N, C-alpha and C. Protein backbone atom coordinates (compact mmCIF):
# COMPACT_ATOMS: atom_id res chain seq x y z
N MET A 1 47.49 -2.00 15.01
CA MET A 1 46.40 -2.91 15.20
C MET A 1 46.94 -4.33 15.27
N THR A 2 46.34 -5.10 16.13
CA THR A 2 46.73 -6.51 16.22
C THR A 2 45.93 -7.30 15.19
N LYS A 3 46.33 -8.55 14.99
CA LYS A 3 45.60 -9.41 14.05
C LYS A 3 44.16 -9.60 14.53
N LYS A 4 43.98 -9.73 15.85
CA LYS A 4 42.65 -9.93 16.40
C LYS A 4 41.76 -8.71 16.12
N THR A 5 42.30 -7.51 16.30
CA THR A 5 41.54 -6.28 16.06
C THR A 5 41.18 -6.16 14.59
N VAL A 6 42.12 -6.47 13.70
CA VAL A 6 41.87 -6.41 12.27
C VAL A 6 40.78 -7.41 11.89
N GLY A 7 40.83 -8.60 12.46
CA GLY A 7 39.83 -9.63 12.18
C GLY A 7 38.45 -9.19 12.62
N ILE A 8 38.34 -8.61 13.81
CA ILE A 8 37.06 -8.14 14.31
C ILE A 8 36.54 -7.00 13.43
N ALA A 9 37.42 -6.09 13.03
CA ALA A 9 37.02 -4.97 12.17
C ALA A 9 36.52 -5.50 10.82
N ALA A 10 37.16 -6.52 10.27
CA ALA A 10 36.74 -7.08 9.00
C ALA A 10 35.36 -7.72 9.12
N VAL A 11 35.10 -8.40 10.22
CA VAL A 11 33.80 -9.02 10.44
C VAL A 11 32.72 -7.94 10.54
N LEU A 12 33.01 -6.86 11.26
CA LEU A 12 32.05 -5.77 11.41
C LEU A 12 31.75 -5.12 10.06
N VAL A 13 32.76 -4.95 9.23
CA VAL A 13 32.55 -4.37 7.91
C VAL A 13 31.66 -5.27 7.07
N VAL A 14 31.92 -6.57 7.09
CA VAL A 14 31.11 -7.51 6.32
C VAL A 14 29.67 -7.52 6.82
N LEU A 15 29.47 -7.48 8.14
CA LEU A 15 28.12 -7.47 8.69
C LEU A 15 27.36 -6.19 8.33
N ALA A 16 28.06 -5.09 8.18
CA ALA A 16 27.43 -3.82 7.87
C ALA A 16 27.10 -3.66 6.39
N MET A 17 27.67 -4.51 5.54
CA MET A 17 27.44 -4.41 4.10
C MET A 17 26.03 -4.87 3.76
N PRO A 18 25.35 -4.17 2.85
CA PRO A 18 24.01 -4.62 2.45
C PRO A 18 24.10 -5.92 1.66
N VAL A 19 23.08 -6.72 1.79
CA VAL A 19 22.99 -7.96 1.03
C VAL A 19 22.05 -7.70 -0.14
N PHE A 20 22.54 -7.91 -1.34
CA PHE A 20 21.73 -7.64 -2.52
C PHE A 20 21.20 -8.94 -3.07
N GLY A 21 19.90 -9.00 -3.16
CA GLY A 21 19.23 -10.14 -3.76
C GLY A 21 18.26 -9.63 -4.79
N ALA A 22 17.46 -10.52 -5.34
CA ALA A 22 16.50 -10.13 -6.37
C ALA A 22 15.52 -9.08 -5.85
N GLU A 23 15.14 -9.19 -4.56
CA GLU A 23 14.18 -8.24 -4.02
C GLU A 23 14.76 -6.84 -3.87
N ASP A 24 16.07 -6.69 -3.95
CA ASP A 24 16.71 -5.39 -3.78
C ASP A 24 16.98 -4.69 -5.11
N GLU A 25 16.62 -5.33 -6.22
CA GLU A 25 16.86 -4.70 -7.51
C GLU A 25 15.95 -3.49 -7.67
N ALA A 26 16.42 -2.51 -8.39
CA ALA A 26 15.63 -1.30 -8.62
C ALA A 26 14.36 -1.65 -9.40
N THR A 27 13.26 -1.04 -8.99
CA THR A 27 12.00 -1.23 -9.71
C THR A 27 12.11 -0.53 -11.05
N GLU A 28 11.73 -1.25 -12.09
CA GLU A 28 11.84 -0.72 -13.45
C GLU A 28 10.60 0.09 -13.81
N MET A 29 10.83 1.17 -14.52
CA MET A 29 9.72 1.97 -15.04
C MET A 29 10.04 2.37 -16.48
N VAL A 30 8.99 2.49 -17.27
CA VAL A 30 9.12 2.96 -18.65
C VAL A 30 8.44 4.32 -18.70
N VAL A 31 9.21 5.34 -19.06
CA VAL A 31 8.70 6.70 -19.18
C VAL A 31 8.48 7.01 -20.65
N HIS A 32 7.20 7.20 -21.01
CA HIS A 32 6.85 7.59 -22.38
C HIS A 32 6.80 9.11 -22.41
N LYS A 33 7.53 9.72 -23.35
CA LYS A 33 7.60 11.18 -23.39
C LYS A 33 7.66 11.69 -24.82
N ASP A 34 7.23 12.91 -24.97
CA ASP A 34 7.32 13.63 -26.23
C ASP A 34 8.80 13.94 -26.50
N PRO A 35 9.22 13.95 -27.75
CA PRO A 35 10.64 14.20 -28.03
C PRO A 35 11.13 15.60 -27.63
N TYR A 36 10.22 16.54 -27.44
CA TYR A 36 10.64 17.92 -27.17
C TYR A 36 10.40 18.37 -25.74
N CYS A 37 10.06 17.45 -24.85
CA CYS A 37 9.69 17.83 -23.49
C CYS A 37 10.88 17.70 -22.54
N GLY A 38 11.37 18.82 -22.05
CA GLY A 38 12.49 18.83 -21.12
C GLY A 38 12.09 18.47 -19.70
N CYS A 39 10.86 18.85 -19.28
CA CYS A 39 10.46 18.55 -17.90
C CYS A 39 10.23 17.06 -17.72
N CYS A 40 9.86 16.35 -18.78
CA CYS A 40 9.73 14.89 -18.70
C CYS A 40 11.10 14.26 -18.43
N THR A 41 12.09 14.77 -19.11
CA THR A 41 13.46 14.28 -18.89
C THR A 41 13.91 14.59 -17.47
N ALA A 42 13.56 15.77 -16.97
CA ALA A 42 13.92 16.14 -15.59
C ALA A 42 13.26 15.19 -14.60
N TRP A 43 11.98 14.84 -14.81
CA TRP A 43 11.28 13.90 -13.93
C TRP A 43 11.95 12.53 -13.98
N ALA A 44 12.29 12.07 -15.18
CA ALA A 44 12.95 10.77 -15.34
C ALA A 44 14.31 10.75 -14.64
N ASP A 45 15.05 11.85 -14.72
CA ASP A 45 16.34 11.95 -14.03
C ASP A 45 16.14 11.87 -12.51
N LEU A 46 15.11 12.54 -12.01
CA LEU A 46 14.80 12.48 -10.57
C LEU A 46 14.38 11.06 -10.16
N ALA A 47 13.68 10.36 -11.06
CA ALA A 47 13.29 8.97 -10.77
C ALA A 47 14.53 8.08 -10.62
N GLU A 48 15.51 8.29 -11.48
CA GLU A 48 16.76 7.53 -11.35
C GLU A 48 17.46 7.87 -10.05
N GLU A 49 17.49 9.14 -9.68
CA GLU A 49 18.09 9.54 -8.41
C GLU A 49 17.35 8.92 -7.23
N ALA A 50 16.05 8.69 -7.38
CA ALA A 50 15.24 8.08 -6.32
C ALA A 50 15.43 6.56 -6.27
N GLY A 51 16.19 6.00 -7.22
CA GLY A 51 16.51 4.58 -7.17
C GLY A 51 15.76 3.70 -8.15
N TYR A 52 14.98 4.28 -9.04
CA TYR A 52 14.26 3.49 -10.04
C TYR A 52 15.14 3.25 -11.26
N ALA A 53 14.93 2.11 -11.91
CA ALA A 53 15.60 1.81 -13.18
C ALA A 53 14.70 2.36 -14.28
N VAL A 54 15.15 3.39 -14.96
CA VAL A 54 14.30 4.13 -15.90
C VAL A 54 14.68 3.83 -17.34
N GLU A 55 13.66 3.47 -18.12
CA GLU A 55 13.81 3.36 -19.57
C GLU A 55 12.94 4.46 -20.15
N THR A 56 13.53 5.35 -20.92
CA THR A 56 12.78 6.43 -21.53
C THR A 56 12.50 6.08 -22.99
N VAL A 57 11.24 6.19 -23.37
CA VAL A 57 10.82 5.91 -24.74
C VAL A 57 10.25 7.19 -25.32
N VAL A 58 10.86 7.68 -26.37
CA VAL A 58 10.39 8.90 -27.04
C VAL A 58 9.24 8.50 -27.96
N GLU A 59 8.11 9.20 -27.79
CA GLU A 59 6.89 8.88 -28.52
C GLU A 59 6.47 10.09 -29.35
N ASN A 60 6.02 9.84 -30.55
CA ASN A 60 5.48 10.92 -31.38
C ASN A 60 3.98 11.06 -31.22
N ASP A 61 3.33 10.08 -30.59
CA ASP A 61 1.87 10.10 -30.42
C ASP A 61 1.52 9.75 -28.97
N MET A 62 1.64 10.74 -28.09
CA MET A 62 1.36 10.51 -26.67
C MET A 62 -0.13 10.26 -26.41
N VAL A 63 -1.00 10.78 -27.26
CA VAL A 63 -2.44 10.56 -27.08
C VAL A 63 -2.75 9.06 -27.14
N SER A 64 -2.17 8.36 -28.09
CA SER A 64 -2.40 6.92 -28.21
C SER A 64 -1.88 6.16 -27.00
N ILE A 65 -0.75 6.60 -26.46
CA ILE A 65 -0.19 5.96 -25.26
C ILE A 65 -1.15 6.14 -24.09
N LYS A 66 -1.59 7.36 -23.85
CA LYS A 66 -2.50 7.66 -22.74
C LYS A 66 -3.83 6.92 -22.89
N ASP A 67 -4.38 6.95 -24.10
CA ASP A 67 -5.63 6.23 -24.36
C ASP A 67 -5.45 4.73 -24.14
N GLY A 68 -4.34 4.20 -24.64
CA GLY A 68 -4.08 2.77 -24.52
C GLY A 68 -3.89 2.30 -23.09
N LEU A 69 -3.47 3.21 -22.22
CA LEU A 69 -3.25 2.87 -20.80
C LEU A 69 -4.41 3.34 -19.92
N ASP A 70 -5.50 3.77 -20.55
CA ASP A 70 -6.74 4.17 -19.85
C ASP A 70 -6.55 5.31 -18.87
N VAL A 71 -5.76 6.31 -19.28
CA VAL A 71 -5.60 7.52 -18.46
C VAL A 71 -6.72 8.48 -18.85
N PRO A 72 -7.62 8.84 -17.90
CA PRO A 72 -8.69 9.78 -18.23
C PRO A 72 -8.12 11.11 -18.70
N GLU A 73 -8.69 11.66 -19.74
CA GLU A 73 -8.17 12.88 -20.36
C GLU A 73 -8.03 14.03 -19.38
N GLU A 74 -8.92 14.14 -18.40
CA GLU A 74 -8.85 15.25 -17.45
C GLU A 74 -7.62 15.16 -16.53
N PHE A 75 -6.92 14.04 -16.54
CA PHE A 75 -5.73 13.87 -15.71
C PHE A 75 -4.43 13.90 -16.53
N TRP A 76 -4.53 14.12 -17.82
CA TRP A 76 -3.35 14.10 -18.67
C TRP A 76 -2.32 15.15 -18.26
N SER A 77 -1.07 14.78 -18.44
CA SER A 77 0.07 15.66 -18.25
C SER A 77 0.99 15.42 -19.43
N CYS A 78 2.26 15.69 -19.26
CA CYS A 78 3.17 15.58 -20.40
C CYS A 78 3.75 14.18 -20.61
N HIS A 79 4.01 13.43 -19.54
CA HIS A 79 4.59 12.10 -19.72
C HIS A 79 3.74 11.05 -19.00
N THR A 80 3.86 9.81 -19.47
CA THR A 80 3.10 8.69 -18.93
C THR A 80 4.07 7.57 -18.63
N VAL A 81 3.93 6.99 -17.44
CA VAL A 81 4.89 5.99 -16.96
C VAL A 81 4.18 4.67 -16.68
N GLU A 82 4.82 3.59 -17.07
CA GLU A 82 4.37 2.25 -16.71
C GLU A 82 5.34 1.70 -15.67
N ILE A 83 4.79 1.24 -14.53
CA ILE A 83 5.63 0.72 -13.46
C ILE A 83 4.88 -0.38 -12.69
N ASP A 84 5.40 -1.57 -12.73
CA ASP A 84 4.93 -2.69 -11.92
C ASP A 84 3.41 -2.86 -11.97
N GLY A 85 2.83 -2.77 -13.17
CA GLY A 85 1.40 -2.97 -13.35
C GLY A 85 0.54 -1.73 -13.14
N TYR A 86 1.16 -0.60 -12.88
CA TYR A 86 0.44 0.66 -12.66
C TYR A 86 0.84 1.69 -13.71
N VAL A 87 0.03 2.75 -13.78
CA VAL A 87 0.32 3.88 -14.65
C VAL A 87 0.52 5.10 -13.77
N ILE A 88 1.57 5.86 -14.05
CA ILE A 88 1.84 7.13 -13.39
C ILE A 88 1.74 8.19 -14.47
N GLU A 89 0.88 9.17 -14.25
CA GLU A 89 0.70 10.23 -15.25
C GLU A 89 1.22 11.55 -14.69
N GLY A 90 2.23 12.08 -15.35
CA GLY A 90 2.73 13.41 -15.01
C GLY A 90 3.72 13.46 -13.87
N HIS A 91 3.79 14.62 -13.26
CA HIS A 91 4.84 14.96 -12.30
C HIS A 91 4.49 14.51 -10.88
N VAL A 92 4.26 13.22 -10.74
CA VAL A 92 3.89 12.62 -9.46
C VAL A 92 5.13 12.57 -8.55
N PRO A 93 4.99 12.99 -7.29
CA PRO A 93 6.13 12.91 -6.37
C PRO A 93 6.46 11.45 -6.04
N PHE A 94 7.73 11.21 -5.74
CA PHE A 94 8.19 9.84 -5.58
C PHE A 94 7.73 9.17 -4.30
N ASP A 95 7.34 9.95 -3.28
CA ASP A 95 6.76 9.32 -2.10
C ASP A 95 5.39 8.73 -2.44
N ALA A 96 4.66 9.35 -3.35
CA ALA A 96 3.37 8.80 -3.79
C ALA A 96 3.58 7.54 -4.63
N VAL A 97 4.62 7.52 -5.46
CA VAL A 97 4.94 6.33 -6.25
C VAL A 97 5.30 5.17 -5.30
N ALA A 98 6.14 5.45 -4.31
CA ALA A 98 6.54 4.41 -3.35
C ALA A 98 5.33 3.89 -2.58
N ARG A 99 4.45 4.79 -2.17
CA ARG A 99 3.23 4.39 -1.45
C ARG A 99 2.36 3.49 -2.33
N LEU A 100 2.20 3.86 -3.59
CA LEU A 100 1.42 3.06 -4.53
C LEU A 100 1.97 1.64 -4.63
N LEU A 101 3.28 1.54 -4.79
CA LEU A 101 3.90 0.23 -4.95
C LEU A 101 3.88 -0.59 -3.66
N GLU A 102 3.86 0.08 -2.54
CA GLU A 102 3.80 -0.62 -1.25
C GLU A 102 2.38 -1.07 -0.93
N GLU A 103 1.41 -0.19 -1.10
CA GLU A 103 0.02 -0.49 -0.72
C GLU A 103 -0.71 -1.33 -1.76
N ARG A 104 -0.34 -1.18 -3.03
CA ARG A 104 -0.90 -1.92 -4.15
C ARG A 104 -2.43 -1.89 -4.20
N PRO A 105 -3.02 -0.68 -4.23
CA PRO A 105 -4.48 -0.59 -4.30
C PRO A 105 -5.01 -1.11 -5.64
N GLU A 106 -6.29 -1.41 -5.68
CA GLU A 106 -6.95 -1.89 -6.90
C GLU A 106 -7.35 -0.70 -7.76
N ILE A 107 -6.35 -0.05 -8.36
CA ILE A 107 -6.57 1.10 -9.24
C ILE A 107 -5.70 0.93 -10.47
N THR A 108 -5.97 1.75 -11.48
CA THR A 108 -5.12 1.73 -12.67
C THR A 108 -3.83 2.49 -12.42
N GLY A 109 -3.94 3.65 -11.74
CA GLY A 109 -2.74 4.43 -11.49
C GLY A 109 -3.03 5.72 -10.76
N ILE A 110 -2.00 6.57 -10.72
CA ILE A 110 -2.10 7.88 -10.07
C ILE A 110 -1.58 8.95 -11.02
N ALA A 111 -2.05 10.17 -10.80
CA ALA A 111 -1.70 11.26 -11.71
C ALA A 111 -1.60 12.59 -10.97
N VAL A 112 -0.76 13.45 -11.52
CA VAL A 112 -0.77 14.87 -11.17
C VAL A 112 -1.17 15.57 -12.46
N PRO A 113 -2.44 15.96 -12.56
CA PRO A 113 -2.92 16.59 -13.80
C PRO A 113 -2.18 17.89 -14.11
N GLY A 114 -2.00 18.13 -15.39
CA GLY A 114 -1.32 19.35 -15.82
C GLY A 114 0.16 19.28 -15.49
N MET A 115 0.74 20.42 -15.25
CA MET A 115 2.17 20.52 -14.97
C MET A 115 2.38 21.56 -13.87
N PRO A 116 1.97 21.25 -12.62
CA PRO A 116 2.04 22.26 -11.56
C PRO A 116 3.47 22.67 -11.21
N ALA A 117 3.67 23.97 -11.08
CA ALA A 117 4.98 24.49 -10.67
C ALA A 117 5.35 23.90 -9.31
N GLY A 118 6.60 23.52 -9.18
CA GLY A 118 7.10 23.00 -7.92
C GLY A 118 6.97 21.49 -7.79
N SER A 119 6.26 20.84 -8.70
CA SER A 119 6.18 19.38 -8.67
C SER A 119 7.50 18.82 -9.23
N PRO A 120 7.82 17.54 -8.96
CA PRO A 120 9.09 16.98 -9.44
C PRO A 120 9.27 17.16 -10.95
N GLY A 121 10.38 17.75 -11.32
CA GLY A 121 10.66 18.04 -12.72
C GLY A 121 10.18 19.40 -13.16
N MET A 122 9.43 20.09 -12.30
CA MET A 122 8.87 21.41 -12.63
C MET A 122 9.40 22.49 -11.69
N GLY A 123 10.63 22.31 -11.25
CA GLY A 123 11.24 23.29 -10.35
C GLY A 123 11.21 22.81 -8.91
N ASP A 124 11.93 23.50 -8.09
CA ASP A 124 12.04 23.12 -6.68
C ASP A 124 11.36 24.19 -5.84
N ASP A 125 10.11 23.93 -5.47
CA ASP A 125 9.37 24.88 -4.65
C ASP A 125 8.75 24.13 -3.48
N PRO A 126 9.37 24.24 -2.29
CA PRO A 126 8.84 23.54 -1.12
C PRO A 126 7.43 23.99 -0.74
N ALA A 127 6.99 25.14 -1.23
CA ALA A 127 5.65 25.63 -0.91
C ALA A 127 4.61 25.20 -1.95
N ALA A 128 5.00 24.39 -2.91
CA ALA A 128 4.07 23.97 -3.96
C ALA A 128 2.87 23.23 -3.38
N ARG A 129 1.72 23.46 -4.02
CA ARG A 129 0.48 22.80 -3.61
C ARG A 129 -0.19 22.20 -4.83
N TYR A 130 -0.49 20.93 -4.74
CA TYR A 130 -1.21 20.26 -5.82
C TYR A 130 -1.69 18.91 -5.30
N ASP A 131 -2.58 18.28 -6.05
CA ASP A 131 -3.14 16.99 -5.65
C ASP A 131 -2.64 15.88 -6.55
N VAL A 132 -2.49 14.71 -5.95
CA VAL A 132 -2.25 13.47 -6.68
C VAL A 132 -3.59 12.74 -6.67
N VAL A 133 -4.06 12.34 -7.83
CA VAL A 133 -5.34 11.66 -7.92
C VAL A 133 -5.14 10.21 -8.37
N ALA A 134 -6.01 9.35 -7.88
CA ALA A 134 -6.03 7.95 -8.30
C ALA A 134 -7.13 7.80 -9.35
N PHE A 135 -6.94 6.86 -10.28
CA PHE A 135 -7.95 6.64 -11.30
C PHE A 135 -8.04 5.15 -11.64
N GLY A 136 -9.21 4.77 -12.14
CA GLY A 136 -9.45 3.38 -12.54
C GLY A 136 -9.68 2.47 -11.34
N GLY A 137 -10.26 1.32 -11.59
CA GLY A 137 -10.51 0.35 -10.53
C GLY A 137 -11.36 0.93 -9.42
N ASP A 138 -10.93 0.74 -8.17
CA ASP A 138 -11.67 1.23 -7.02
C ASP A 138 -11.82 2.75 -6.99
N ALA A 139 -10.93 3.47 -7.68
CA ALA A 139 -10.98 4.93 -7.69
C ALA A 139 -11.96 5.46 -8.74
N GLY A 140 -12.46 4.58 -9.58
CA GLY A 140 -13.39 5.01 -10.62
C GLY A 140 -12.77 6.04 -11.55
N ARG A 141 -13.49 7.09 -11.79
CA ARG A 141 -13.04 8.13 -12.73
C ARG A 141 -12.04 9.07 -12.08
N GLY A 142 -11.85 8.95 -10.75
CA GLY A 142 -10.85 9.78 -10.07
C GLY A 142 -11.18 10.01 -8.61
N ALA A 143 -10.17 9.96 -7.77
CA ALA A 143 -10.32 10.19 -6.34
C ALA A 143 -9.01 10.76 -5.80
N LEU A 144 -9.11 11.60 -4.78
CA LEU A 144 -7.91 12.15 -4.16
C LEU A 144 -7.07 11.01 -3.60
N TYR A 145 -5.80 10.98 -3.96
CA TYR A 145 -4.87 9.97 -3.46
C TYR A 145 -3.94 10.57 -2.41
N GLN A 146 -3.46 11.77 -2.69
CA GLN A 146 -2.52 12.43 -1.78
C GLN A 146 -2.52 13.92 -2.08
N ARG A 147 -2.44 14.72 -1.04
CA ARG A 147 -2.36 16.16 -1.21
C ARG A 147 -0.91 16.58 -0.91
N VAL A 148 -0.35 17.43 -1.76
CA VAL A 148 0.99 17.95 -1.57
C VAL A 148 0.86 19.40 -1.15
N GLY A 149 1.50 19.77 -0.05
CA GLY A 149 1.38 21.11 0.49
C GLY A 149 0.15 21.21 1.37
N LYS A 150 -0.07 22.36 1.93
CA LYS A 150 -1.24 22.52 2.81
C LYS A 150 -2.22 23.50 2.28
């Protein structure tokens, strides 16, 4: 390689490198979980893989956490997440989390009630079917936010 070719290659490498600024920092989330729940840990691990900065807080009283964050009891699952002014309840898929943070609807949060098989942290089943519901604010006591599967 000549000096000119090396110089051009170096410029191309620099141009191809991502520029990291404050807007590129990982979105932080706090995952509140029971000390004995393994699927909560699995969901939190998947959140980190999806690019979120995860802080896990082990709680002995999840009912108080859910009540304090205004999660309707009919939508409760095993873990509760605080992220950028919203609440995520349970095994919500990460495309729904990303959509929530992008669209920023006037709601309290989104939930996957219960612990459906095949949802993130509950096994890998591409045929899984379940609903993501919105709650609080414009969604009132609950409204369909996203359907997973057909």
